[in-house]
């Protein structure tokens, strides 16, 4: 096998950048899918984690590095989606445009909004999603 056919192992910058982008995109997609549902949207992170784990495996992030990147991306997606959910709720309650709310809402308000809407079942779904993403990324 010559060097053109060999796959290179992604470097640290690629790992960090891809993890951040996959996490933010996953959180935005989760929020978009959950907008039409009134409650019980925590389960949506599980299929999302399946896509994230498969995506990292496809990119060549395998083994422990792939599991860490996939799990981190799922955690970023969870945090970002909770921020977006809080912004949507605040915008609806106050009658502000969502775009203005996203840029003007401070961390304290977002934190309180997220805490008010996250339950124990959300953390169960999150743990399951992290396990699935790590398993899919580590497979050979």
Protein backbone atom coordinates (compact mmCIF):
# COMPACT_ATOMS: atom_id res chain seq x y z
CA UNK A 1 0.00 0.00 0.00
CA UNK A 2 1.56 3.30 -1.05
CA UNK A 3 1.33 6.54 0.90
CA UNK A 4 -1.53 7.91 -1.23
CA UNK A 5 -3.76 5.00 -0.24
CA UNK A 6 -2.91 5.12 3.46
CA UNK A 7 -5.21 7.11 5.71
CA UNK A 8 -3.60 9.62 7.97
CA UNK A 9 -4.65 9.89 11.59
CA UNK A 10 -6.38 13.23 12.15
CA UNK A 11 -4.35 15.70 14.19
CA UNK A 12 -5.34 17.46 17.39
CA UNK A 13 -6.63 20.58 15.62
CA UNK A 14 -8.86 18.45 13.39
CA UNK A 15 -10.19 16.62 16.44
CA UNK A 16 -11.06 19.83 18.31
CA UNK A 17 -12.54 21.61 15.30
CA UNK A 18 -14.59 18.64 14.12
CA UNK A 19 -15.86 17.94 17.62
CA UNK A 20 -16.99 21.54 18.09
CA UNK A 21 -18.65 21.77 14.69
CA UNK A 22 -20.40 18.41 15.03
CA UNK A 23 -21.61 19.30 18.52
CA UNK A 24 -22.98 22.69 17.52
CA UNK A 25 -24.64 21.31 14.40
CA UNK A 26 -26.14 18.45 16.41
CA UNK A 27 -27.52 20.82 19.04
CA UNK A 28 -29.07 23.06 16.40
CA UNK A 29 -30.60 20.08 14.61
CA UNK A 30 -32.01 18.72 17.88
CA UNK A 31 -33.59 22.07 18.68
CA UNK A 32 -35.04 22.33 15.18
CA UNK A 33 -36.56 18.86 15.37
CA UNK A 34 -37.94 19.55 18.86
CA UNK A 35 -39.71 22.80 17.95
CA UNK A 36 -42.83 20.95 16.81
CA UNK A 37 -43.00 18.86 19.99
CA UNK A 38 -44.47 20.16 23.23
CA UNK A 39 -42.43 18.05 25.66
CA UNK A 40 -40.36 14.90 25.94
CA UNK A 41 -37.71 15.79 23.39
CA UNK A 42 -34.80 14.27 25.31
CA UNK A 43 -34.92 11.03 23.34
CA UNK A 44 -33.95 12.88 20.15
CA UNK A 45 -30.34 13.03 21.28
CA UNK A 46 -30.02 9.23 21.00
CA UNK A 47 -30.39 8.93 17.19
CA UNK A 48 -28.37 12.12 16.89
CA UNK A 49 -25.57 10.44 18.87
CA UNK A 50 -25.75 7.50 16.49
CA UNK A 51 -25.12 9.81 13.57
CA UNK A 52 -22.30 11.58 15.44
CA UNK A 53 -20.54 8.31 16.32
CA UNK A 54 -20.86 7.05 12.76
CA UNK A 55 -19.65 10.38 11.42
CA UNK A 56 -16.48 10.31 13.52
CA UNK A 57 -15.82 6.73 12.52
CA UNK A 58 -16.28 7.65 8.85
CA UNK A 59 -13.81 10.53 9.26
CA UNK A 60 -11.18 8.14 10.60
CA UNK A 61 -11.42 9.01 14.28
CA UNK A 62 -11.27 5.49 15.66
CA UNK A 63 -10.48 3.95 19.00
CA UNK A 64 -10.22 6.01 22.15
CA UNK A 65 -9.69 9.26 20.23
CA UNK A 66 -12.90 8.69 18.28
CA UNK A 67 -14.84 7.82 21.43
CA UNK A 68 -13.63 10.96 23.22
CA UNK A 69 -14.44 13.17 20.22
CA UNK A 70 -17.89 11.63 19.69
CA UNK A 71 -18.79 11.82 23.38
CA UNK A 72 -17.57 15.41 23.58
CA UNK A 73 -19.62 16.33 20.51
CA UNK A 74 -22.74 14.83 22.10
CA UNK A 75 -22.11 16.80 25.31
CA UNK A 76 -21.64 20.01 23.30
CA UNK A 77 -24.84 19.26 21.39
CA UNK A 78 -26.71 18.78 24.67
CA UNK A 79 -25.42 22.04 26.17
CA UNK A 80 -26.03 24.05 23.00
CA UNK A 81 -29.53 22.64 22.54
CA UNK A 82 -30.40 23.54 26.13
CA UNK A 83 -29.20 27.09 25.46
CA UNK A 84 -31.35 27.24 22.33
CA UNK A 85 -34.37 25.81 24.16
CA UNK A 86 -33.99 28.46 26.85
CA UNK A 87 -33.69 31.22 24.24
CA UNK A 88 -36.83 30.00 22.46
CA UNK A 89 -38.79 29.97 25.73
CA UNK A 90 -37.61 33.45 26.73
CA UNK A 91 -38.38 34.84 23.27
CA UNK A 92 -41.87 33.33 23.38
CA UNK A 93 -42.60 34.61 26.88
CA UNK A 94 -41.40 38.15 26.24
CA UNK A 95 -42.52 38.44 22.62
CA UNK A 96 -39.02 39.22 21.33
CA UNK A 97 -37.60 37.97 18.05
CA UNK A 98 -35.51 34.84 18.57
CA UNK A 99 -32.45 36.35 16.90
CA UNK A 100 -32.37 39.28 19.32
CA UNK A 101 -32.90 36.97 22.27
CA UNK A 102 -30.03 34.71 21.23
CA UNK A 103 -27.57 37.57 21.13
CA UNK A 104 -28.81 39.50 24.16
CA UNK A 105 -29.62 36.76 26.65
CA UNK A 106 -26.94 36.56 29.32
CA UNK A 107 -25.46 33.36 30.70
CA UNK A 108 -27.36 33.56 34.00
CA UNK A 109 -30.77 33.69 32.34
CA UNK A 110 -29.85 30.90 29.94
CA UNK A 111 -28.59 28.78 32.85
CA UNK A 112 -31.79 29.29 34.85
CA UNK A 113 -33.94 28.57 31.80
CA UNK A 114 -32.04 25.38 31.07
CA UNK A 115 -32.17 24.19 34.69
CA UNK A 116 -35.91 24.75 34.84
CA UNK A 117 -36.51 22.48 31.85
CA UNK A 118 -33.93 19.70 32.29
CA UNK A 119 -35.06 16.66 34.23
CA UNK A 120 -33.60 13.36 35.32
CA UNK A 121 -34.86 11.63 32.19
CA UNK A 122 -32.83 14.05 30.06
CA UNK A 123 -29.65 12.91 31.80
CA UNK A 124 -30.59 9.27 31.27
CA UNK A 125 -31.03 9.96 27.54
CA UNK A 126 -27.72 11.87 27.56
CA UNK A 127 -25.84 8.98 29.20
CA UNK A 128 -27.31 6.53 26.69
CA UNK A 129 -26.42 8.87 23.81
CA UNK A 130 -22.82 9.24 25.02
CA UNK A 131 -22.46 5.46 25.30
CA UNK A 132 -23.86 4.89 21.80
CA UNK A 133 -21.67 7.58 20.24
CA UNK A 134 -18.53 6.22 21.92
CA UNK A 135 -19.35 2.63 20.95
CA UNK A 136 -20.01 3.52 17.32
CA UNK A 137 -16.82 5.56 17.05
CA UNK A 138 -14.68 2.80 18.62
CA UNK A 139 -15.94 -0.04 16.44
CA UNK A 140 -13.64 -1.47 13.81
